[in-house]
Structures are given as structure tokens and as C-alpha cells.
Protein backbone atom coordinates (compact mmCIF):
# COMPACT_ATOMS: atom_id res chain seq x y z
CA MET A 1 43.46 71.37 54.75
CA ILE A 2 44.68 70.83 58.32
CA LYS A 3 45.21 73.97 60.38
CA ASP A 4 48.00 73.25 62.83
CA ARG A 5 48.68 75.77 65.57
CA GLY A 6 52.36 74.82 65.73
CA ASN A 7 54.00 75.43 69.10
CA LYS A 8 50.94 77.17 70.53
CA LYS A 9 49.27 73.88 71.36
CA TRP A 10 52.34 72.66 73.29
CA VAL A 11 53.04 75.89 75.19
CA ALA A 12 49.61 75.75 76.80
CA MET A 13 50.46 72.34 78.27
CA MET A 14 53.77 73.47 79.84
CA LEU A 15 53.93 74.13 83.55
CA PRO A 16 55.07 77.58 84.70
CA GLU A 17 58.17 75.96 86.22
CA HIS A 18 59.12 74.61 82.80
CA VAL A 19 58.65 77.98 81.13
CA GLU A 20 60.85 79.63 83.79
CA MET A 21 63.49 76.92 83.40
CA ILE A 22 63.60 77.43 79.62
CA LYS A 23 64.01 81.19 80.10
CA GLN A 24 66.88 80.60 82.57
CA ILE A 25 68.57 78.19 80.14
CA ASN A 26 68.39 80.84 77.40
CA ILE A 27 69.95 83.42 79.75
CA ASP A 28 72.71 80.98 80.72
CA LEU A 29 73.49 80.33 77.05
CA GLU A 30 74.05 84.07 76.46
CA LYS A 31 76.50 84.46 79.36
CA GLN A 32 80.14 85.10 78.53
CA GLU A 33 83.38 84.21 80.25
CA GLN A 34 85.05 87.07 82.12
CA PRO A 35 87.93 88.43 80.03
CA ILE A 36 91.36 87.89 81.54
CA LEU A 37 93.43 91.07 81.54
CA ASP A 38 97.21 90.98 81.30
CA GLU A 39 99.48 93.18 83.43
CA ASP A 40 99.92 95.81 80.71
CA LYS A 41 96.17 96.23 80.28
CA ILE A 42 95.64 96.46 84.05
CA GLN A 43 98.34 99.16 84.29
CA GLU A 44 96.72 101.06 81.42
CA LEU A 45 93.30 100.93 83.10
CA GLU A 46 94.73 102.13 86.42
CA THR A 47 96.45 105.02 84.61
CA ARG A 48 93.18 106.04 82.95
CA ILE A 49 91.35 105.95 86.29
CA SER A 50 94.00 108.11 87.96
CA TYR A 51 94.03 110.53 85.02
CA SER A 52 90.24 110.91 85.06
CA LEU A 53 90.30 111.48 88.84
CA GLN A 54 93.11 114.04 88.64
CA TYR A 55 91.53 116.10 85.81
CA HIS A 56 87.88 115.38 86.72
CA LEU A 57 87.07 113.86 83.33
CA PRO A 58 84.02 111.68 82.65
CA VAL A 59 84.74 108.03 81.90
CA ASP A 60 82.79 105.15 80.39
CA PHE A 61 83.40 101.85 82.15
CA LYS A 62 82.76 98.48 80.58
CA ILE A 63 82.30 96.15 83.52
CA TRP A 64 81.61 92.42 83.74
CA ILE A 65 78.85 91.37 86.10
CA ASP A 66 77.50 87.84 86.33
CA GLY A 67 78.40 86.85 82.79
CA PHE A 68 77.33 90.05 81.03
CA GLU A 69 79.11 93.26 80.07
CA GLN A 70 77.53 96.53 81.17
CA HIS A 71 78.44 100.18 80.61
CA ILE A 72 78.50 102.77 83.37
CA SER A 73 79.45 106.39 82.74
CA GLY A 74 80.37 109.00 85.29
CA TYR A 75 83.13 110.69 87.26
CA VAL A 76 85.63 108.91 89.50
CA GLN A 77 85.30 110.40 93.00
CA SER A 78 87.90 108.39 94.93
CA ILE A 79 90.06 105.27 94.78
CA ASP A 80 90.38 102.76 97.62
CA HIS A 81 93.60 100.82 96.98
CA VAL A 82 93.16 98.61 100.05
CA GLN A 83 89.73 97.25 99.13
CA ARG A 84 90.54 97.51 95.39
CA LYS A 85 87.46 99.49 94.44
CA PHE A 86 86.57 103.04 93.58
CA LYS A 87 83.70 105.43 94.02
CA LEU A 88 81.93 106.62 90.88
CA ARG A 89 79.33 109.37 90.57
CA ASP A 90 77.24 108.54 87.50
CA MET A 91 75.59 111.00 85.12
CA ASN A 92 72.37 110.94 87.22
CA ASP A 93 74.37 112.00 90.30
CA ASN A 94 74.09 108.53 91.93
CA VAL A 95 77.08 107.07 93.75
CA LYS A 96 78.25 103.57 92.80
CA TYR A 97 81.15 101.47 94.01
CA ILE A 98 82.95 99.38 91.40
CA ASN A 99 85.52 96.68 92.13
CA PHE A 100 88.72 96.67 90.09
CA SER A 101 88.10 92.99 89.32
CA GLU A 102 84.85 93.86 87.45
CA ILE A 103 86.50 96.27 84.99
CA VAL A 104 86.91 95.08 81.42
CA ASP A 105 87.73 98.41 79.74
CA ILE A 106 87.72 102.16 80.40
CA ARG A 107 87.25 104.96 77.90
CA ILE A 108 87.79 108.62 78.84
CA MET A 109 84.98 110.67 77.35
CA ASP A 110 85.61 114.08 75.86
């Protein structure tokens, strides 16, 4: 009976640059296109942001960064309409700035 080690014998012969390149290719394959929001959805998101700021309610943001969706929760501190971004204080009391163009969805938490 022949004992074959499968891929183990080939991985040992790969250069570190090749391993890194394969990892990067796998990451690139998982990336998604940024969702395109219509005017109604944008208006709805802006309304939710204003509402959460006015009544100091926590919100959960789904944002799109470099091909991946991420969630950030916290309180909206201020809105900068000129630079199209807002200031968010997260649940760990850290301040983050989020661009309007990164927002995919907003959920007001109760």
C-alpha cells in the first residue's frame, strides 16, 4: 500500500511569496461589489441618522469597506453635511468617523 501525503508534499515546496499570493487571491474572491443605493433608500438612511441623533438612540451601521461589509454600533454624535460624514461614539466609548458613501444600511437599536 502506498502512503501518499497528498498536498503536504507540495506545500513544503512552495515559496512564501506563493503562499501569500494564494491567500490574497482567496481574499479577493470573497470581496463583494458595493451596493448601489437609490434615492429613496438614501433619504431613509439620512432620516434614521437624524432621528437617532435627535433622540440619542443607539444605531447599528452596516458599512462597506474595501469589498467587505462590517457592523459598527454606537451613538451618532454629530453630522457634517459639508464633508458628508458623521461622528459616531461606539459602545466602547471610542470615536469613529464614517463617510455617508460607506453606509449600506442602518438599524436603530431598542
